[in-house]
């Protein structure tokens, strides 16, 4: 029986090689569920830290990698939402983030975020 391509960690046959894994993605490439953005407080310590990283030019080096699911068309953010929100607040549409990209949908991103400690709000 063939392996389910929607299973976590299973590469999608329609994705070009080299898309999955660790790589930099720009703010403008990321899609985020509205529920993640609504839950994160703009003045939270995590967002304030991310704003400081962007202003100092060190966000590109921030670790750990942001978890992202790629459905063949869009990159769905599943962790470290404060980094994304900070870039949005500053209008830093060319800000790059270190990301761990795997095959999956927006639903996979929401499910992943609900399983990890701290939800999608990790800084």
PDB file of N, CA and C in Angstrom:
ATOM      1  N   UNK A   1       0.852  -1.180   0.000  1.00  0.00           N
ATOM      2  CA  UNK A   1       0.000   0.000   0.000  1.00  0.00           C
ATOM      3  C   UNK A   1       0.893   1.237   0.000  1.00  0.00           C
ATOM      4  N   UNK A   2       0.671   2.197  -0.892  1.00  0.00           N
ATOM      5  CA  UNK A   2       1.511   3.402  -0.932  1.00  0.00           C
ATOM      6  C   UNK A   2       1.304   4.263   0.305  1.00  0.00           C
ATOM      7  N   UNK A   3       2.341   4.994   0.630  1.00  0.00           N
ATOM      8  CA  UNK A   3       2.310   5.883   1.786  1.00  0.00           C
ATOM      9  C   UNK A   3       1.426   7.097   1.506  1.00  0.00           C
ATOM     10  N   UNK A   4       0.643   7.525   2.500  1.00  0.00           N
ATOM     11  CA  UNK A   4      -0.248   8.671   2.348  1.00  0.00           C
ATOM     12  C   UNK A   4       0.582   9.944   2.240  1.00  0.00           C
ATOM     13  N   UNK A   5       0.523  10.684   1.106  1.00  0.00           N
ATOM     14  CA  UNK A   5       1.335  11.893   0.945  1.00  0.00           C
ATOM     15  C   UNK A   5       0.931  13.015   1.885  1.00  0.00           C
ATOM     16  N   UNK A   6      -0.252  12.930   2.505  1.00  0.00           N
ATOM     17  CA  UNK A   6      -0.678  13.954   3.447  1.00  0.00           C
ATOM     18  C   UNK A   6      -0.187  13.675   4.859  1.00  0.00           C
ATOM     19  N   UNK A   7       0.404  12.503   5.073  1.00  0.00           N
ATOM     20  CA  UNK A   7       0.908  12.149   6.398  1.00  0.00           C
ATOM     21  C   UNK A   7       2.052  13.080   6.771  1.00  0.00           C
ATOM     22  N   UNK A   8       2.159  13.442   8.072  1.00  0.00           N
ATOM     23  CA  UNK A   8       3.252  14.332   8.491  1.00  0.00           C
ATOM     24  C   UNK A   8       4.611  13.774   8.084  1.00  0.00           C
ATOM     25  N   UNK A   9       5.402  14.626   7.501  1.00  0.00           N
ATOM     26  CA  UNK A   9       6.758  14.251   7.112  1.00  0.00           C
ATOM     27  C   UNK A   9       6.849  13.592   5.757  1.00  0.00           C
ATOM     28  N   UNK A  10       5.709  13.234   5.157  1.00  0.00           N
ATOM     29  CA  UNK A  10       5.730  12.603   3.846  1.00  0.00           C
ATOM     30  C   UNK A  10       5.766  13.682   2.772  1.00  0.00           C
ATOM     31  N   UNK A  11       6.784  13.669   1.913  1.00  0.00           N
ATOM     32  CA  UNK A  11       6.843  14.692   0.872  1.00  0.00           C
ATOM     33  C   UNK A  11       5.713  14.518  -0.133  1.00  0.00           C
ATOM     34  N   UNK A  12       5.163  15.603  -0.568  1.00  0.00           N
ATOM     35  CA  UNK A  12       4.107  15.575  -1.561  1.00  0.00           C
ATOM     36  C   UNK A  12       4.738  15.359  -2.925  1.00  0.00           C
ATOM     37  N   UNK A  13       4.173  14.457  -3.731  1.00  0.00           N
ATOM     38  CA  UNK A  13       4.762  14.198  -5.037  1.00  0.00           C
ATOM     39  C   UNK A  13       4.685  15.399  -5.976  1.00  0.00           C
ATOM     40  N   UNK A  14       3.783  16.350  -5.723  1.00  0.00           N
ATOM     41  CA  UNK A  14       3.650  17.493  -6.616  1.00  0.00           C
ATOM     42  C   UNK A  14       4.622  18.638  -6.293  1.00  0.00           C
ATOM     43  N   UNK A  15       5.333  18.537  -5.178  1.00  0.00           N
ATOM     44  CA  UNK A  15       6.239  19.606  -4.780  1.00  0.00           C
ATOM     45  C   UNK A  15       7.587  19.447  -5.471  1.00  0.00           C
ATOM     46  N   UNK A  16       8.145  20.540  -5.969  1.00  0.00           N
ATOM     47  CA  UNK A  16       9.475  20.447  -6.582  1.00  0.00           C
ATOM     48  C   UNK A  16      10.529  20.122  -5.535  1.00  0.00           C
ATOM     49  N   UNK A  17      11.544  19.386  -5.945  1.00  0.00           N
ATOM     50  CA  UNK A  17      12.611  19.053  -5.003  1.00  0.00           C
ATOM     51  C   UNK A  17      13.302  20.334  -4.557  1.00  0.00           C
ATOM     52  N   UNK A  18      13.729  20.345  -3.312  1.00  0.00           N
ATOM     53  CA  UNK A  18      14.422  21.505  -2.780  1.00  0.00           C
ATOM     54  C   UNK A  18      13.521  22.498  -2.083  1.00  0.00           C
ATOM     55  N   UNK A  19      12.200  22.317  -2.139  1.00  0.00           N
ATOM     56  CA  UNK A  19      11.279  23.248  -1.484  1.00  0.00           C
ATOM     57  C   UNK A  19      11.198  22.963   0.007  1.00  0.00           C
ATOM     58  N   UNK A  20      11.264  21.683   0.379  1.00  0.00           N
ATOM     59  CA  UNK A  20      11.107  21.293   1.771  1.00  0.00           C
ATOM     60  C   UNK A  20      12.450  21.289   2.490  1.00  0.00           C
ATOM     61  N   UNK A  21      12.419  21.500   3.802  1.00  0.00           N
ATOM     62  CA  UNK A  21      13.632  21.512   4.612  1.00  0.00           C
ATOM     63  C   UNK A  21      13.859  22.878   5.212  1.00  0.00           C
ATOM     64  N   UNK A  22      15.094  23.151   5.593  1.00  0.00           N
ATOM     65  CA  UNK A  22      15.441  24.433   6.202  1.00  0.00           C
ATOM     66  C   UNK A  22      15.816  25.439   5.122  1.00  0.00           C
ATOM     67  N   UNK A  23      15.202  26.611   5.195  1.00  0.00           N
ATOM     68  CA  UNK A  23      15.490  27.651   4.210  1.00  0.00           C
ATOM     69  C   UNK A  23      14.942  28.978   4.728  1.00  0.00           C
ATOM     70  N   UNK A  24      15.349  30.066   4.093  1.00  0.00           N
ATOM     71  CA  UNK A  24      14.822  31.388   4.423  1.00  0.00           C
ATOM     72  C   UNK A  24      13.578  31.674   3.585  1.00  0.00           C
ATOM     73  N   UNK A  25      12.557  32.233   4.233  1.00  0.00           N
ATOM     74  CA  UNK A  25      11.364  32.708   3.547  1.00  0.00           C
ATOM     75  C   UNK A  25      11.134  34.155   3.942  1.00  0.00           C
ATOM     76  N   UNK A  26      10.636  34.943   2.997  1.00  0.00           N
ATOM     77  CA  UNK A  26      10.309  36.339   3.280  1.00  0.00           C
ATOM     78  C   UNK A  26       8.918  36.446   3.886  1.00  0.00           C
ATOM     79  N   UNK A  27       8.734  37.508   4.642  1.00  0.00           N
ATOM     80  CA  UNK A  27       7.431  37.812   5.250  1.00  0.00           C
ATOM     81  C   UNK A  27       6.325  37.711   4.210  1.00  0.00           C
ATOM     82  N   UNK A  28       6.548  38.281   3.045  1.00  0.00           N
ATOM     83  CA  UNK A  28       5.516  38.329   2.007  1.00  0.00           C
ATOM     84  C   UNK A  28       5.177  36.949   1.437  1.00  0.00           C
ATOM     85  N   UNK A  29       6.013  35.945   1.684  1.00  0.00           N
ATOM     86  CA  UNK A  29       5.736  34.593   1.204  1.00  0.00           C
ATOM     87  C   UNK A  29       4.859  33.802   2.176  1.00  0.00           C
ATOM     88  N   UNK A  30       4.749  34.249   3.407  1.00  0.00           N
ATOM     89  CA  UNK A  30       4.059  33.493   4.445  1.00  0.00           C
ATOM     90  C   UNK A  30       2.571  33.806   4.500  1.00  0.00           C
ATOM     91  N   UNK A  31       1.787  32.767   4.728  1.00  0.00           N
ATOM     92  CA  UNK A  31       0.357  32.898   4.986  1.00  0.00           C
ATOM     93  C   UNK A  31       0.120  32.479   6.429  1.00  0.00           C
ATOM     94  N   UNK A  32      -0.790  33.187   7.103  1.00  0.00           N
ATOM     95  CA  UNK A  32      -1.043  32.918   8.509  1.00  0.00           C
ATOM     96  C   UNK A  32      -2.545  32.895   8.755  1.00  0.00           C
ATOM     97  N   UNK A  33      -2.969  31.923   9.531  1.00  0.00           N
ATOM     98  CA  UNK A  33      -4.372  31.837   9.924  1.00  0.00           C
ATOM     99  C   UNK A  33      -4.734  33.079  10.739  1.00  0.00           C
ATOM    100  N   UNK A  34      -5.870  33.675  10.456  1.00  0.00           N
ATOM    101  CA  UNK A  34      -6.312  34.871  11.182  1.00  0.00           C
ATOM    102  C   UNK A  34      -6.447  34.617  12.682  1.00  0.00           C
ATOM    103  N   UNK A  35      -6.808  33.390  13.062  1.00  0.00           N
ATOM    104  CA  UNK A  35      -6.975  33.113  14.487  1.00  0.00           C
ATOM    105  C   UNK A  35      -5.653  33.247  15.237  1.00  0.00           C
ATOM    106  N   UNK A  36      -4.532  32.968  14.589  1.00  0.00           N
ATOM    107  CA  UNK A  36      -3.230  33.133  15.233  1.00  0.00           C
ATOM    108  C   UNK A  36      -2.957  34.608  15.503  1.00  0.00           C
ATOM    109  N   UNK A  37      -3.245  35.436  14.510  1.00  0.00           N
ATOM    110  CA  UNK A  37      -2.970  36.863  14.657  1.00  0.00           C
ATOM    111  C   UNK A  37      -3.876  37.505  15.689  1.00  0.00           C
ATOM    112  N   UNK A  38      -5.112  37.064  15.778  1.00  0.00           N
ATOM    113  CA  UNK A  38      -6.046  37.648  16.736  1.00  0.00           C
ATOM    114  C   UNK A  38      -5.682  37.292  18.169  1.00  0.00           C
ATOM    115  N   UNK A  39      -5.071  36.133  18.372  1.00  0.00           N
ATOM    116  CA  UNK A  39      -4.741  35.688  19.728  1.00  0.00           C
ATOM    117  C   UNK A  39      -3.486  36.353  20.286  1.00  0.00           C
ATOM    118  N   UNK A  40      -2.603  36.789  19.423  1.00  0.00           N
ATOM    119  CA  UNK A  40      -1.330  37.354  19.873  1.00  0.00           C
ATOM    120  C   UNK A  40      -1.498  38.826  20.210  1.00  0.00           C
ATOM    121  N   UNK A  41      -1.150  39.194  21.427  1.00  0.00           N
ATOM    122  CA  UNK A  41      -1.251  40.589  21.866  1.00  0.00           C
ATOM    123  C   UNK A  41      -0.104  41.401  21.283  1.00  0.00           C
ATOM    124  N   UNK A  42      -0.428  42.550  20.718  1.00  0.00           N
ATOM    125  CA  UNK A  42       0.582  43.389  20.083  1.00  0.00           C
ATOM    126  C   UNK A  42       1.651  43.831  21.070  1.00  0.00           C
ATOM    127  N   UNK A  43       1.307  44.105  22.298  1.00  0.00           N
ATOM    128  CA  UNK A  43       2.289  44.556  23.279  1.00  0.00           C
ATOM    129  C   UNK A  43       2.932  43.436  24.089  1.00  0.00           C
ATOM    130  N   UNK A  44       2.741  42.181  23.667  1.00  0.00           N
ATOM    131  CA  UNK A  44       3.283  41.061  24.432  1.00  0.00           C
ATOM    132  C   UNK A  44       4.811  41.086  24.412  1.00  0.00           C
ATOM    133  N   UNK A  45       5.444  40.500  25.422  1.00  0.00           N
ATOM    134  CA  UNK A  45       6.911  40.452  25.455  1.00  0.00           C
ATOM    135  C   UNK A  45       7.512  39.774  24.219  1.00  0.00           C
ATOM    136  N   UNK A  46       6.853  38.726  23.713  1.00  0.00           N
ATOM    137  CA  UNK A  46       7.381  38.029  22.544  1.00  0.00           C
ATOM    138  C   UNK A  46       7.380  38.931  21.304  1.00  0.00           C
ATOM    139  N   UNK A  47       6.315  39.696  21.130  1.00  0.00           N
ATOM    140  CA  UNK A  47       6.240  40.619  19.985  1.00  0.00           C
ATOM    141  C   UNK A  47       7.250  41.744  20.169  1.00  0.00           C
ATOM    142  N   UNK A  48       7.369  42.278  21.371  1.00  0.00           N
ATOM    143  CA  UNK A  48       8.341  43.349  21.636  1.00  0.00           C
ATOM    144  C   UNK A  48       9.765  42.877  21.352  1.00  0.00           C
ATOM    145  N   UNK A  49      10.091  41.643  21.749  1.00  0.00           N
ATOM    146  CA  UNK A  49      11.416  41.084  21.455  1.00  0.00           C
ATOM    147  C   UNK A  49      11.635  40.971  19.947  1.00  0.00           C
ATOM    148  N   UNK A  50      10.608  40.487  19.237  1.00  0.00           N
ATOM    149  CA  UNK A  50      10.720  40.343  17.786  1.00  0.00           C
ATOM    150  C   UNK A  50      10.876  41.705  17.107  1.00  0.00           C
ATOM    151  N   UNK A  51      10.164  42.713  17.595  1.00  0.00           N
ATOM    152  CA  UNK A  51      10.329  44.070  17.049  1.00  0.00           C
ATOM    153  C   UNK A  51      11.768  44.547  17.215  1.00  0.00           C
ATOM    154  N   UNK A  52      12.345  44.272  18.376  1.00  0.00           N
ATOM    155  CA  UNK A  52      13.738  44.675  18.633  1.00  0.00           C
ATOM    156  C   UNK A  52      14.696  43.955  17.694  1.00  0.00           C
ATOM    157  N   UNK A  53      14.457  42.660  17.451  1.00  0.00           N
ATOM    158  CA  UNK A  53      15.322  41.899  16.539  1.00  0.00           C
ATOM    159  C   UNK A  53      15.256  42.470  15.126  1.00  0.00           C
ATOM    160  N   UNK A  54      14.054  42.798  14.660  1.00  0.00           N
ATOM    161  CA  UNK A  54      13.914  43.345  13.312  1.00  0.00           C
ATOM    162  C   UNK A  54      14.579  44.714  13.216  1.00  0.00           C
ATOM    163  N   UNK A  55      14.339  45.557  14.206  1.00  0.00           N
ATOM    164  CA  UNK A  55      14.938  46.904  14.188  1.00  0.00           C
ATOM    165  C   UNK A  55      16.457  46.857  14.211  1.00  0.00           C
ATOM    166  N   UNK A  56      17.027  45.854  14.893  1.00  0.00           N
ATOM    167  CA  UNK A  56      18.492  45.753  14.972  1.00  0.00           C
ATOM    168  C   UNK A  56      19.087  44.963  13.805  1.00  0.00           C
ATOM    169  N   UNK A  57      18.227  44.421  12.946  1.00  0.00           N
ATOM    170  CA  UNK A  57      18.709  43.688  11.783  1.00  0.00           C
ATOM    171  C   UNK A  57      19.165  42.270  12.083  1.00  0.00           C
ATOM    172  N   UNK A  58      18.733  41.708  13.213  1.00  0.00           N
ATOM    173  CA  UNK A  58      19.196  40.372  13.584  1.00  0.00           C
ATOM    174  C   UNK A  58      18.114  39.296  13.488  1.00  0.00           C
ATOM    175  N   UNK A  59      16.940  39.618  12.974  1.00  0.00           N
ATOM    176  CA  UNK A  59      15.862  38.625  12.897  1.00  0.00           C
ATOM    177  C   UNK A  59      16.231  37.456  11.995  1.00  0.00           C
ATOM    178  N   UNK A  60      16.970  37.691  10.936  1.00  0.00           N
ATOM    179  CA  UNK A  60      17.343  36.616  10.004  1.00  0.00           C
ATOM    180  C   UNK A  60      18.115  35.511  10.708  1.00  0.00           C
ATOM    181  N   UNK A  61      18.806  35.851  11.777  1.00  0.00           N
ATOM    182  CA  UNK A  61      19.605  34.877  12.521  1.00  0.00           C
ATOM    183  C   UNK A  61      18.827  34.241  13.676  1.00  0.00           C
ATOM    184  N   UNK A  62      17.591  34.666  13.908  1.00  0.00           N
ATOM    185  CA  UNK A  62      16.811  34.144  15.036  1.00  0.00           C
ATOM    186  C   UNK A  62      16.580  32.644  14.889  1.00  0.00           C
ATOM    187  N   UNK A  63      16.778  31.933  15.953  1.00  0.00           N
ATOM    188  CA  UNK A  63      16.572  30.488  16.017  1.00  0.00           C
ATOM    189  C   UNK A  63      15.718  30.185  17.235  1.00  0.00           C
ATOM    190  N   UNK A  64      14.974  29.132  17.281  1.00  0.00           N
ATOM    191  CA  UNK A  64      14.897  28.058  16.300  1.00  0.00           C
ATOM    192  C   UNK A  64      14.102  28.484  15.070  1.00  0.00           C
ATOM    193  N   UNK A  65      14.127  27.624  14.074  1.00  0.00           N
ATOM    194  CA  UNK A  65      13.428  27.906  12.824  1.00  0.00           C
ATOM    195  C   UNK A  65      11.921  27.965  13.054  1.00  0.00           C
ATOM    196  N   UNK A  66      11.269  28.808  12.284  1.00  0.00           N
ATOM    197  CA  UNK A  66       9.813  28.880  12.293  1.00  0.00           C
ATOM    198  C   UNK A  66       9.288  27.664  11.522  1.00  0.00           C
ATOM    199  N   UNK A  67       8.273  26.999  12.059  1.00  0.00           N
ATOM    200  CA  UNK A  67       7.678  25.829  11.397  1.00  0.00           C
ATOM    201  C   UNK A  67       6.671  26.313  10.368  1.00  0.00           C
ATOM    202  N   UNK A  68       6.822  25.815   9.125  1.00  0.00           N
ATOM    203  CA  UNK A  68       5.974  26.232   8.015  1.00  0.00           C
ATOM    204  C   UNK A  68       5.531  24.992   7.235  1.00  0.00           C
ATOM    205  N   UNK A  69       4.270  24.969   6.828  1.00  0.00           N
ATOM    206  CA  UNK A  69       3.749  23.890   5.990  1.00  0.00           C
ATOM    207  C   UNK A  69       3.499  24.446   4.592  1.00  0.00           C
ATOM    208  N   UNK A  70       3.935  23.703   3.564  1.00  0.00           N
ATOM    209  CA  UNK A  70       3.786  24.136   2.178  1.00  0.00           C
ATOM    210  C   UNK A  70       2.823  23.206   1.463  1.00  0.00           C
ATOM    211  N   UNK A  71       1.748  23.775   0.890  1.00  0.00           N
ATOM    212  CA  UNK A  71       0.722  22.972   0.227  1.00  0.00           C
ATOM    213  C   UNK A  71       0.885  22.930  -1.292  1.00  0.00           C
ATOM    214  N   UNK A  72       2.015  23.385  -1.776  1.00  0.00           N
ATOM    215  CA  UNK A  72       2.248  23.425  -3.215  1.00  0.00           C
ATOM    216  C   UNK A  72       1.989  24.796  -3.799  1.00  0.00           C
ATOM    217  N   UNK A  73       1.340  25.648  -3.013  1.00  0.00           N
ATOM    218  CA  UNK A  73       1.011  27.003  -3.461  1.00  0.00           C
ATOM    219  C   UNK A  73       1.369  28.044  -2.398  1.00  0.00           C
ATOM    220  N   UNK A  74       1.035  27.761  -1.140  1.00  0.00           N
ATOM    221  CA  UNK A  74       1.240  28.732  -0.058  1.00  0.00           C
ATOM    222  C   UNK A  74       2.035  28.113   1.083  1.00  0.00           C
ATOM    223  N   UNK A  75       2.803  28.975   1.759  1.00  0.00           N
ATOM    224  CA  UNK A  75       3.558  28.590   2.940  1.00  0.00           C
ATOM    225  C   UNK A  75       2.751  29.013   4.164  1.00  0.00           C
ATOM    226  N   UNK A  76       2.303  28.036   4.974  1.00  0.00           N
ATOM    227  CA  UNK A  76       1.442  28.292   6.132  1.00  0.00           C
ATOM    228  C   UNK A  76       2.258  28.264   7.411  1.00  0.00           C
ATOM    229  N   UNK A  77       2.317  29.396   8.100  1.00  0.00           N
ATOM    230  CA  UNK A  77       3.073  29.513   9.337  1.00  0.00           C
ATOM    231  C   UNK A  77       2.376  28.754  10.465  1.00  0.00           C
ATOM    232  N   UNK A  78       3.176  27.975  11.234  1.00  0.00           N
ATOM    233  CA  UNK A  78       2.615  27.168  12.324  1.00  0.00           C
ATOM    234  C   UNK A  78       3.254  27.475  13.671  1.00  0.00           C
ATOM    235  N   UNK A  79       4.312  28.273  13.708  1.00  0.00           N
ATOM    236  CA  UNK A  79       4.951  28.610  14.981  1.00  0.00           C
ATOM    237  C   UNK A  79       5.612  29.978  14.880  1.00  0.00           C
ATOM    238  N   UNK A  80       5.974  30.516  16.008  1.00  0.00           N
ATOM    239  CA  UNK A  80       6.707  31.782  16.098  1.00  0.00           C
ATOM    240  C   UNK A  80       5.957  32.949  15.464  1.00  0.00           C
ATOM    241  N   UNK A  81       4.662  32.995  15.691  1.00  0.00           N
ATOM    242  CA  UNK A  81       3.806  34.049  15.151  1.00  0.00           C
ATOM    243  C   UNK A  81       4.253  35.453  15.579  1.00  0.00           C
ATOM    244  N   UNK A  82       4.792  35.653  16.790  1.00  0.00           N
ATOM    245  CA  UNK A  82       5.235  37.002  17.157  1.00  0.00           C
ATOM    246  C   UNK A  82       6.267  37.585  16.183  1.00  0.00           C
ATOM    247  N   UNK A  83       7.105  36.745  15.600  1.00  0.00           N
ATOM    248  CA  UNK A  83       8.086  37.233  14.612  1.00  0.00           C
ATOM    249  C   UNK A  83       7.356  37.780  13.393  1.00  0.00           C
ATOM    250  N   UNK A  84       6.372  37.033  12.920  1.00  0.00           N
ATOM    251  CA  UNK A  84       5.580  37.457  11.771  1.00  0.00           C
ATOM    252  C   UNK A  84       4.824  38.745  12.078  1.00  0.00           C
ATOM    253  N   UNK A  85       4.195  38.781  13.239  1.00  0.00           N
ATOM    254  CA  UNK A  85       3.408  39.955  13.630  1.00  0.00           C
ATOM    255  C   UNK A  85       4.291  41.198  13.743  1.00  0.00           C
ATOM    256  N   UNK A  86       5.490  41.042  14.271  1.00  0.00           N
ATOM    257  CA  UNK A  86       6.409  42.177  14.382  1.00  0.00           C
ATOM    258  C   UNK A  86       6.769  42.721  12.998  1.00  0.00           C
ATOM    259  N   UNK A  87       7.043  41.838  12.062  1.00  0.00           N
ATOM    260  CA  UNK A  87       7.361  42.287  10.697  1.00  0.00           C
ATOM    261  C   UNK A  87       6.162  43.001  10.082  1.00  0.00           C
ATOM    262  N   UNK A  88       4.983  42.486  10.353  1.00  0.00           N
ATOM    263  CA  UNK A  88       3.759  43.121   9.839  1.00  0.00           C
ATOM    264  C   UNK A  88       3.587  44.516  10.427  1.00  0.00           C
ATOM    265  N   UNK A  89       3.800  44.653  11.726  1.00  0.00           N
ATOM    266  CA  UNK A  89       3.649  45.950  12.386  1.00  0.00           C
ATOM    267  C   UNK A  89       4.640  46.983  11.853  1.00  0.00           C
ATOM    268  N   UNK A  90       5.836  46.529  11.493  1.00  0.00           N
ATOM    269  CA  UNK A  90       6.873  47.439  10.990  1.00  0.00           C
ATOM    270  C   UNK A  90       6.820  47.616   9.477  1.00  0.00           C
ATOM    271  N   UNK A  91       5.933  46.891   8.813  1.00  0.00           N
ATOM    272  CA  UNK A  91       5.867  46.970   7.354  1.00  0.00           C
ATOM    273  C   UNK A  91       7.110  46.407   6.694  1.00  0.00           C
ATOM    274  N   UNK A  92       7.727  45.422   7.349  1.00  0.00           N
ATOM    275  CA  UNK A  92       8.979  44.830   6.856  1.00  0.00           C
ATOM    276  C   UNK A  92       8.671  43.649   5.941  1.00  0.00           C
ATOM    277  N   UNK A  93       8.080  43.922   4.773  1.00  0.00           N
ATOM    278  CA  UNK A  93       7.632  42.849   3.890  1.00  0.00           C
ATOM    279  C   UNK A  93       8.784  42.060   3.270  1.00  0.00           C
ATOM    280  N   UNK A  94      10.005  42.587   3.348  1.00  0.00           N
ATOM    281  CA  UNK A  94      11.160  41.857   2.818  1.00  0.00           C
ATOM    282  C   UNK A  94      11.957  41.166   3.920  1.00  0.00           C
ATOM    283  N   UNK A  95      11.449  41.213   5.163  1.00  0.00           N
ATOM    284  CA  UNK A  95      12.119  40.540   6.274  1.00  0.00           C
ATOM    285  C   UNK A  95      12.186  39.045   5.995  1.00  0.00           C
ATOM    286  N   UNK A  96      13.367  38.452   6.197  1.00  0.00           N
ATOM    287  CA  UNK A  96      13.523  37.017   6.004  1.00  0.00           C
ATOM    288  C   UNK A  96      13.564  36.309   7.342  1.00  0.00           C
ATOM    289  N   UNK A  97      12.993  35.099   7.356  1.00  0.00           N
ATOM    290  CA  UNK A  97      12.956  34.258   8.548  1.00  0.00           C
ATOM    291  C   UNK A  97      13.528  32.890   8.210  1.00  0.00           C
ATOM    292  N   UNK A  98      14.254  32.304   9.153  1.00  0.00           N
ATOM    293  CA  UNK A  98      14.763  30.950   9.006  1.00  0.00           C
ATOM    294  C   UNK A  98      13.598  30.009   9.290  1.00  0.00           C
ATOM    295  N   UNK A  99      13.275  29.135   8.326  1.00  0.00           N
ATOM    296  CA  UNK A  99      12.083  28.296   8.430  1.00  0.00           C
ATOM    297  C   UNK A  99      12.393  26.823   8.207  1.00  0.00           C
ATOM    298  N   UNK A 100      11.628  25.992   8.891  1.00  0.00           N
ATOM    299  CA  UNK A 100      11.641  24.551   8.691  1.00  0.00           C
ATOM    300  C   UNK A 100      10.365  24.231   7.920  1.00  0.00           C
ATOM    301  N   UNK A 101      10.513  23.917   6.639  1.00  0.00           N
ATOM    302  CA  UNK A 101       9.380  23.760   5.736  1.00  0.00           C
ATOM    303  C   UNK A 101       9.094  22.279   5.508  1.00  0.00           C
ATOM    304  N   UNK A 102       7.826  21.906   5.663  1.00  0.00           N
ATOM    305  CA  UNK A 102       7.428  20.543   5.329  1.00  0.00           C
ATOM    306  C   UNK A 102       6.111  20.582   4.575  1.00  0.00           C
ATOM    307  N   UNK A 103       5.795  19.498   3.885  1.00  0.00           N
ATOM    308  CA  UNK A 103       4.559  19.417   3.117  1.00  0.00           C
ATOM    309  C   UNK A 103       3.370  19.434   4.064  1.00  0.00           C
ATOM    310  N   UNK A 104       2.325  20.167   3.692  1.00  0.00           N
ATOM    311  CA  UNK A 104       1.119  20.204   4.505  1.00  0.00           C
ATOM    312  C   UNK A 104       0.231  21.370   4.123  1.00  0.00           C
ATOM    313  N   UNK A 105      -0.930  21.410   4.729  1.00  0.00           N
ATOM    314  CA  UNK A 105      -1.953  22.406   4.425  1.00  0.00           C
ATOM    315  C   UNK A 105      -2.090  23.414   5.565  1.00  0.00           C
ATOM    316  N   UNK A 106      -2.984  24.369   5.383  1.00  0.00           N
ATOM    317  CA  UNK A 106      -3.263  25.329   6.452  1.00  0.00           C
ATOM    318  C   UNK A 106      -3.813  24.602   7.670  1.00  0.00           C
ATOM    319  N   UNK A 107      -4.596  23.569   7.443  1.00  0.00           N
ATOM    320  CA  UNK A 107      -5.131  22.778   8.554  1.00  0.00           C
ATOM    321  C   UNK A 107      -4.001  22.080   9.320  1.00  0.00           C
ATOM    322  N   UNK A 108      -2.992  21.588   8.602  1.00  0.00           N
ATOM    323  CA  UNK A 108      -1.834  20.969   9.256  1.00  0.00           C
ATOM    324  C   UNK A 108      -1.118  21.986  10.140  1.00  0.00           C
ATOM    325  N   UNK A 109      -1.026  23.223   9.673  1.00  0.00           N
ATOM    326  CA  UNK A 109      -0.374  24.275  10.456  1.00  0.00           C
ATOM    327  C   UNK A 109      -1.144  24.548  11.741  1.00  0.00           C
ATOM    328  N   UNK A 110      -2.457  24.615  11.653  1.00  0.00           N
ATOM    329  CA  UNK A 110      -3.285  24.859  12.839  1.00  0.00           C
ATOM    330  C   UNK A 110      -3.167  23.685  13.803  1.00  0.00           C
ATOM    331  N   UNK A 111      -3.223  22.467  13.285  1.00  0.00           N
ATOM    332  CA  UNK A 111      -3.095  21.286  14.148  1.00  0.00           C
ATOM    333  C   UNK A 111      -1.730  21.230  14.815  1.00  0.00           C
ATOM    334  N   UNK A 112      -0.684  21.529  14.070  1.00  0.00           N
ATOM    335  CA  UNK A 112       0.664  21.525  14.634  1.00  0.00           C
ATOM    336  C   UNK A 112       0.767  22.549  15.766  1.00  0.00           C
ATOM    337  N   UNK A 113       0.267  23.738  15.514  1.00  0.00           N
ATOM    338  CA  UNK A 113       0.340  24.810  16.512  1.00  0.00           C
ATOM    339  C   UNK A 113      -0.418  24.445  17.767  1.00  0.00           C
ATOM    340  N   UNK A 114      -1.519  23.733  17.631  1.00  0.00           N
ATOM    341  CA  UNK A 114      -2.308  23.372  18.806  1.00  0.00           C
ATOM    342  C   UNK A 114      -1.630  22.260  19.619  1.00  0.00           C
ATOM    343  N   UNK A 115      -0.737  21.501  18.995  1.00  0.00           N
ATOM    344  CA  UNK A 115      -0.048  20.412  19.688  1.00  0.00           C
ATOM    345  C   UNK A 115       1.212  20.856  20.423  1.00  0.00           C
ATOM    346  N   UNK A 116       1.885  21.889  19.930  1.00  0.00           N
ATOM    347  CA  UNK A 116       3.158  22.265  20.536  1.00  0.00           C
ATOM    348  C   UNK A 116       2.943  23.093  21.801  1.00  0.00           C
ATOM    349  N   UNK A 117       3.855  22.999  22.705  1.00  0.00           N
ATOM    350  CA  UNK A 117       3.778  23.753  23.949  1.00  0.00           C
ATOM    351  C   UNK A 117       3.796  25.237  23.625  1.00  0.00           C
ATOM    352  N   UNK A 118       2.864  25.959  24.186  1.00  0.00           N
ATOM    353  CA  UNK A 118       2.796  27.394  23.955  1.00  0.00           C
ATOM    354  C   UNK A 118       2.018  27.768  22.715  1.00  0.00           C
ATOM    355  N   UNK A 119       1.494  26.788  21.975  1.00  0.00           N
ATOM    356  CA  UNK A 119       0.714  27.090  20.780  1.00  0.00           C
ATOM    357  C   UNK A 119       1.539  27.812  19.740  1.00  0.00           C
ATOM    358  N   UNK A 120       0.916  28.612  18.902  1.00  0.00           N
ATOM    359  CA  UNK A 120       1.621  29.278  17.804  1.00  0.00           C
ATOM    360  C   UNK A 120       2.348  30.542  18.249  1.00  0.00           C
ATOM    361  N   UNK A 121       2.475  30.739  19.553  1.00  0.00           N
ATOM    362  CA  UNK A 121       2.950  32.019  20.041  1.00  0.00           C
ATOM    363  C   UNK A 121       4.408  32.008  20.442  1.00  0.00           C
ATOM    364  N   UNK A 122       5.115  30.950  20.124  1.00  0.00           N
ATOM    365  CA  UNK A 122       6.535  30.886  20.490  1.00  0.00           C
ATOM    366  C   UNK A 122       7.279  32.025  19.831  1.00  0.00           C
ATOM    367  N   UNK A 123       8.156  32.663  20.572  1.00  0.00           N
ATOM    368  CA  UNK A 123       8.862  33.836  20.025  1.00  0.00           C
ATOM    369  C   UNK A 123       9.961  33.488  19.076  1.00  0.00           C
TER     370      UNK A 123
END
